[in-house]
Amino acid sequence: MTKTVPDSDASEFRHAVLERYRLHGRSFPWRETQDPWAILVSEVMLQQTQTARVVKPYIQWMEQWPTAASLADANLSDLYQAWSGLGYNSRAMRLRDSARLLCSEYGGKVP
């Protein structure tokens, strides 16, 4: 049986979380953008990887491949080199596969 949370409790919780973030939230490059591609890249990089380890590779990655189209044509050796230190290299390959799909099906844009 699912318990329903009253709207007032949900509102209080939402306020508490946002207030805690306002007071203690850390700044990261992916929090400073509205670009869906940049956010997708960060989500993939952050899987099973400590946040502090992602910052530098994320910035370098976005400088090298700022769009899905730019990543779609990248070769795997370049990807793996850029992914170094993030673990699970298959995520880099899957991200490139995603970029290729975005280009072929969505004009290079994250839907």
N, C-alpha and C. Protein backbone atom coordinates (compact mmCIF):
# COMPACT_ATOMS: atom_id res chain seq x y z
N MET A 1 0.84 -1.17 0.00
CA MET A 1 0.00 0.00 0.00
C MET A 1 0.89 1.24 0.00
N THR A 2 0.63 2.14 -0.89
CA THR A 2 1.40 3.37 -1.01
C THR A 2 0.81 4.45 -0.13
N LYS A 3 1.68 5.09 0.64
CA LYS A 3 1.24 6.16 1.51
C LYS A 3 1.35 7.48 0.77
N THR A 4 0.30 8.27 0.78
CA THR A 4 0.29 9.57 0.12
C THR A 4 0.81 10.64 1.07
N VAL A 5 1.70 11.48 0.57
CA VAL A 5 2.26 12.57 1.36
C VAL A 5 1.39 13.80 1.14
N PRO A 6 0.89 14.40 2.25
CA PRO A 6 0.09 15.62 2.09
C PRO A 6 0.90 16.72 1.40
N ASP A 7 0.22 17.55 0.63
CA ASP A 7 0.89 18.63 -0.10
C ASP A 7 1.71 19.53 0.82
N SER A 8 1.20 19.79 2.01
CA SER A 8 1.93 20.68 2.93
C SER A 8 3.24 20.05 3.37
N ASP A 9 3.25 18.73 3.60
CA ASP A 9 4.49 18.04 3.97
C ASP A 9 5.48 18.05 2.80
N ALA A 10 4.99 17.82 1.61
CA ALA A 10 5.86 17.83 0.43
C ALA A 10 6.44 19.22 0.23
N SER A 11 5.63 20.24 0.43
CA SER A 11 6.09 21.61 0.28
C SER A 11 7.17 21.95 1.32
N GLU A 12 6.96 21.52 2.55
CA GLU A 12 7.95 21.75 3.60
C GLU A 12 9.26 21.04 3.29
N PHE A 13 9.14 19.81 2.83
CA PHE A 13 10.34 19.04 2.49
C PHE A 13 11.10 19.71 1.35
N ARG A 14 10.38 20.10 0.30
CA ARG A 14 10.98 20.78 -0.85
C ARG A 14 11.70 22.05 -0.38
N HIS A 15 11.04 22.82 0.46
CA HIS A 15 11.64 24.05 0.99
C HIS A 15 12.92 23.73 1.78
N ALA A 16 12.88 22.70 2.62
CA ALA A 16 14.04 22.32 3.44
C ALA A 16 15.22 21.91 2.56
N VAL A 17 14.95 21.12 1.52
CA VAL A 17 16.02 20.68 0.61
C VAL A 17 16.63 21.87 -0.13
N LEU A 18 15.79 22.74 -0.65
CA LEU A 18 16.30 23.90 -1.38
C LEU A 18 17.06 24.86 -0.47
N GLU A 19 16.61 25.01 0.75
CA GLU A 19 17.31 25.87 1.71
C GLU A 19 18.67 25.29 2.07
N ARG A 20 18.71 23.99 2.27
CA ARG A 20 20.00 23.33 2.56
C ARG A 20 20.97 23.52 1.39
N TYR A 21 20.46 23.35 0.18
CA TYR A 21 21.31 23.55 -1.00
C TYR A 21 21.79 24.99 -1.08
N ARG A 22 20.90 25.94 -0.81
CA ARG A 22 21.29 27.36 -0.84
C ARG A 22 22.43 27.62 0.14
N LEU A 23 22.38 27.02 1.28
CA LEU A 23 23.39 27.26 2.32
C LEU A 23 24.66 26.43 2.14
N HIS A 24 24.53 25.21 1.61
CA HIS A 24 25.67 24.29 1.61
C HIS A 24 25.98 23.66 0.25
N GLY A 25 25.21 24.00 -0.78
CA GLY A 25 25.38 23.37 -2.08
C GLY A 25 26.73 23.70 -2.71
N ARG A 26 27.31 22.70 -3.35
CA ARG A 26 28.58 22.89 -4.03
C ARG A 26 28.34 23.34 -5.47
N SER A 27 29.28 24.07 -6.00
CA SER A 27 29.19 24.56 -7.37
C SER A 27 29.93 23.62 -8.31
N PHE A 28 29.27 23.23 -9.39
CA PHE A 28 29.87 22.38 -10.41
C PHE A 28 29.50 22.94 -11.78
N PRO A 29 30.34 22.74 -12.78
CA PRO A 29 30.06 23.31 -14.12
C PRO A 29 28.72 22.86 -14.69
N TRP A 30 28.33 21.62 -14.46
CA TRP A 30 27.08 21.11 -15.02
C TRP A 30 25.86 21.69 -14.32
N ARG A 31 26.06 22.32 -13.19
CA ARG A 31 24.96 23.02 -12.52
C ARG A 31 24.80 24.45 -13.02
N GLU A 32 25.76 24.90 -13.79
CA GLU A 32 25.76 26.27 -14.29
C GLU A 32 25.28 26.36 -15.73
N THR A 33 24.75 25.27 -16.27
CA THR A 33 24.32 25.26 -17.67
C THR A 33 22.89 24.77 -17.79
N GLN A 34 22.26 25.19 -18.86
CA GLN A 34 20.94 24.69 -19.22
C GLN A 34 21.02 23.81 -20.47
N ASP A 35 22.25 23.58 -20.96
CA ASP A 35 22.48 22.81 -22.18
C ASP A 35 22.22 21.32 -21.91
N PRO A 36 21.19 20.75 -22.52
CA PRO A 36 20.86 19.34 -22.28
C PRO A 36 22.01 18.39 -22.62
N TRP A 37 22.81 18.70 -23.66
CA TRP A 37 23.94 17.85 -24.01
C TRP A 37 24.97 17.85 -22.87
N ALA A 38 25.30 19.01 -22.36
CA ALA A 38 26.28 19.11 -21.28
C ALA A 38 25.79 18.38 -20.03
N ILE A 39 24.51 18.46 -19.77
CA ILE A 39 23.94 17.79 -18.61
C ILE A 39 23.96 16.28 -18.81
N LEU A 40 23.65 15.82 -20.02
CA LEU A 40 23.71 14.39 -20.32
C LEU A 40 25.13 13.86 -20.12
N VAL A 41 26.12 14.59 -20.63
CA VAL A 41 27.52 14.18 -20.46
C VAL A 41 27.84 14.07 -18.97
N SER A 42 27.44 15.04 -18.18
CA SER A 42 27.75 15.00 -16.75
C SER A 42 27.07 13.80 -16.08
N GLU A 43 25.85 13.51 -16.44
CA GLU A 43 25.14 12.38 -15.84
C GLU A 43 25.85 11.06 -16.12
N VAL A 44 26.34 10.90 -17.33
CA VAL A 44 27.05 9.67 -17.68
C VAL A 44 28.38 9.62 -16.92
N MET A 45 29.09 10.72 -16.88
CA MET A 45 30.37 10.75 -16.17
C MET A 45 30.21 10.51 -14.67
N LEU A 46 29.14 10.98 -14.10
CA LEU A 46 28.94 10.88 -12.66
C LEU A 46 28.47 9.51 -12.19
N GLN A 47 28.12 8.64 -13.12
CA GLN A 47 27.69 7.30 -12.73
C GLN A 47 28.86 6.57 -12.06
N GLN A 48 28.69 6.19 -10.83
CA GLN A 48 29.67 5.42 -10.06
C GLN A 48 31.05 6.08 -10.02
N THR A 49 31.09 7.39 -10.08
CA THR A 49 32.34 8.13 -10.02
C THR A 49 32.17 9.30 -9.06
N GLN A 50 33.16 9.50 -8.20
CA GLN A 50 33.08 10.60 -7.25
C GLN A 50 33.04 11.94 -7.98
N THR A 51 32.22 12.81 -7.48
CA THR A 51 31.99 14.11 -8.12
C THR A 51 33.29 14.88 -8.34
N ALA A 52 34.14 14.92 -7.34
CA ALA A 52 35.39 15.68 -7.45
C ALA A 52 36.28 15.16 -8.57
N ARG A 53 36.19 13.87 -8.87
CA ARG A 53 37.01 13.28 -9.94
C ARG A 53 36.48 13.61 -11.33
N VAL A 54 35.25 14.08 -11.41
CA VAL A 54 34.62 14.33 -12.70
C VAL A 54 34.88 15.75 -13.21
N VAL A 55 35.10 16.70 -12.33
CA VAL A 55 35.15 18.12 -12.72
C VAL A 55 36.15 18.37 -13.85
N LYS A 56 37.40 18.03 -13.67
CA LYS A 56 38.42 18.32 -14.68
C LYS A 56 38.16 17.58 -16.00
N PRO A 57 37.92 16.25 -15.97
CA PRO A 57 37.61 15.57 -17.23
C PRO A 57 36.37 16.12 -17.92
N TYR A 58 35.37 16.52 -17.15
CA TYR A 58 34.15 17.08 -17.73
C TYR A 58 34.46 18.37 -18.49
N ILE A 59 35.22 19.25 -17.88
CA ILE A 59 35.57 20.52 -18.54
C ILE A 59 36.35 20.25 -19.82
N GLN A 60 37.33 19.36 -19.74
CA GLN A 60 38.14 19.04 -20.93
C GLN A 60 37.28 18.38 -22.01
N TRP A 61 36.41 17.48 -21.60
CA TRP A 61 35.53 16.79 -22.54
C TRP A 61 34.64 17.79 -23.28
N MET A 62 34.04 18.70 -22.53
CA MET A 62 33.14 19.68 -23.14
C MET A 62 33.88 20.67 -24.03
N GLU A 63 35.15 20.91 -23.74
CA GLU A 63 35.96 21.75 -24.64
C GLU A 63 36.24 21.00 -25.94
N GLN A 64 36.49 19.70 -25.83
CA GLN A 64 36.83 18.90 -27.02
C GLN A 64 35.58 18.51 -27.82
N TRP A 65 34.50 18.17 -27.11
CA TRP A 65 33.26 17.72 -27.76
C TRP A 65 32.07 18.47 -27.18
N PRO A 66 31.88 19.73 -27.56
CA PRO A 66 30.82 20.55 -26.96
C PRO A 66 29.41 20.22 -27.45
N THR A 67 29.31 19.39 -28.48
CA THR A 67 28.01 19.02 -29.03
C THR A 67 27.98 17.53 -29.33
N ALA A 68 26.79 17.01 -29.49
CA ALA A 68 26.65 15.61 -29.88
C ALA A 68 27.31 15.37 -31.23
N ALA A 69 27.16 16.31 -32.15
CA ALA A 69 27.75 16.15 -33.48
C ALA A 69 29.27 16.05 -33.41
N SER A 70 29.88 16.83 -32.54
CA SER A 70 31.34 16.78 -32.44
C SER A 70 31.82 15.46 -31.85
N LEU A 71 31.04 14.87 -30.96
CA LEU A 71 31.42 13.58 -30.38
C LEU A 71 31.13 12.42 -31.32
N ALA A 72 30.10 12.53 -32.12
CA ALA A 72 29.67 11.43 -32.98
C ALA A 72 30.79 10.93 -33.89
N ASP A 73 31.68 11.82 -34.30
CA ASP A 73 32.75 11.44 -35.22
C ASP A 73 34.07 11.10 -34.52
N ALA A 74 34.10 11.16 -33.21
CA ALA A 74 35.35 10.92 -32.47
C ALA A 74 35.74 9.45 -32.56
N ASN A 75 37.06 9.20 -32.56
CA ASN A 75 37.51 7.81 -32.54
C ASN A 75 37.66 7.32 -31.10
N LEU A 76 37.56 6.01 -30.94
CA LEU A 76 37.55 5.43 -29.60
C LEU A 76 38.82 5.70 -28.81
N SER A 77 39.96 5.70 -29.47
CA SER A 77 41.20 5.94 -28.71
C SER A 77 41.20 7.34 -28.09
N ASP A 78 40.68 8.34 -28.81
CA ASP A 78 40.57 9.69 -28.24
C ASP A 78 39.58 9.71 -27.07
N LEU A 79 38.47 8.99 -27.25
CA LEU A 79 37.47 8.93 -26.18
C LEU A 79 38.06 8.30 -24.92
N TYR A 80 38.71 7.18 -25.09
CA TYR A 80 39.25 6.47 -23.93
C TYR A 80 40.33 7.28 -23.24
N GLN A 81 41.12 8.00 -24.02
CA GLN A 81 42.15 8.85 -23.42
C GLN A 81 41.49 9.97 -22.59
N ALA A 82 40.45 10.58 -23.14
CA ALA A 82 39.75 11.65 -22.42
C ALA A 82 39.00 11.11 -21.21
N TRP A 83 38.59 9.86 -21.27
CA TRP A 83 37.82 9.23 -20.19
C TRP A 83 38.73 8.71 -19.08
N SER A 84 40.00 8.70 -19.30
CA SER A 84 40.97 8.14 -18.35
C SER A 84 40.72 8.65 -16.93
N GLY A 85 40.67 7.73 -15.98
CA GLY A 85 40.47 8.07 -14.58
C GLY A 85 39.02 8.03 -14.14
N LEU A 86 38.09 7.89 -15.09
CA LEU A 86 36.67 7.86 -14.73
C LEU A 86 36.13 6.44 -14.57
N GLY A 87 36.90 5.45 -15.00
CA GLY A 87 36.45 4.07 -14.90
C GLY A 87 35.39 3.70 -15.92
N TYR A 88 35.18 2.41 -16.09
CA TYR A 88 34.16 1.89 -16.99
C TYR A 88 34.19 2.58 -18.34
N ASN A 89 35.24 2.32 -19.11
CA ASN A 89 35.41 2.95 -20.42
C ASN A 89 34.23 2.73 -21.36
N SER A 90 33.47 1.68 -21.12
CA SER A 90 32.31 1.43 -21.99
C SER A 90 31.32 2.60 -21.94
N ARG A 91 31.33 3.36 -20.86
CA ARG A 91 30.44 4.52 -20.78
C ARG A 91 30.80 5.57 -21.83
N ALA A 92 32.10 5.73 -22.11
CA ALA A 92 32.53 6.68 -23.14
C ALA A 92 32.02 6.22 -24.50
N MET A 93 32.13 4.92 -24.76
CA MET A 93 31.66 4.38 -26.04
C MET A 93 30.14 4.53 -26.15
N ARG A 94 29.43 4.28 -25.07
CA ARG A 94 27.97 4.42 -25.08
C ARG A 94 27.55 5.88 -25.24
N LEU A 95 28.32 6.78 -24.69
CA LEU A 95 28.02 8.20 -24.86
C LEU A 95 28.20 8.59 -26.32
N ARG A 96 29.26 8.07 -26.95
CA ARG A 96 29.44 8.34 -28.38
C ARG A 96 28.29 7.73 -29.18
N ASP A 97 27.88 6.51 -28.82
CA ASP A 97 26.73 5.88 -29.50
C ASP A 97 25.48 6.74 -29.34
N SER A 98 25.30 7.31 -28.15
CA SER A 98 24.16 8.20 -27.91
C SER A 98 24.25 9.45 -28.79
N ALA A 99 25.45 9.99 -28.91
CA ALA A 99 25.66 11.17 -29.76
C ALA A 99 25.30 10.85 -31.21
N ARG A 100 25.71 9.69 -31.67
CA ARG A 100 25.38 9.28 -33.04
C ARG A 100 23.88 9.14 -33.23
N LEU A 101 23.21 8.56 -32.25
CA LEU A 101 21.75 8.43 -32.32
C LEU A 101 21.09 9.80 -32.31
N LEU A 102 21.56 10.68 -31.45
CA LEU A 102 21.00 12.04 -31.41
C LEU A 102 21.15 12.73 -32.75
N CYS A 103 22.29 12.53 -33.39
CA CYS A 103 22.52 13.17 -34.70
C CYS A 103 21.64 12.57 -35.79
N SER A 104 21.50 11.26 -35.78
CA SER A 104 20.74 10.62 -36.85
C SER A 104 19.23 10.75 -36.66
N GLU A 105 18.77 10.81 -35.43
CA GLU A 105 17.34 10.80 -35.16
C GLU A 105 16.76 12.13 -34.69
N TYR A 106 17.61 13.00 -34.13
CA TYR A 106 17.10 14.23 -33.49
C TYR A 106 17.86 15.48 -33.89
N GLY A 107 18.56 15.44 -35.00
CA GLY A 107 19.27 16.62 -35.46
C GLY A 107 20.38 17.08 -34.51
N GLY A 108 20.91 16.13 -33.73
CA GLY A 108 22.01 16.47 -32.81
C GLY A 108 21.56 17.07 -31.50
N LYS A 109 20.27 17.14 -31.27
CA LYS A 109 19.72 17.74 -30.04
C LYS A 109 19.21 16.68 -29.10
N VAL A 110 19.36 16.90 -27.82
CA VAL A 110 18.79 16.01 -26.81
C VAL A 110 17.29 16.32 -26.73
N PRO A 111 16.45 15.30 -26.96
CA PRO A 111 15.00 15.57 -26.94
C PRO A 111 14.49 15.89 -25.54
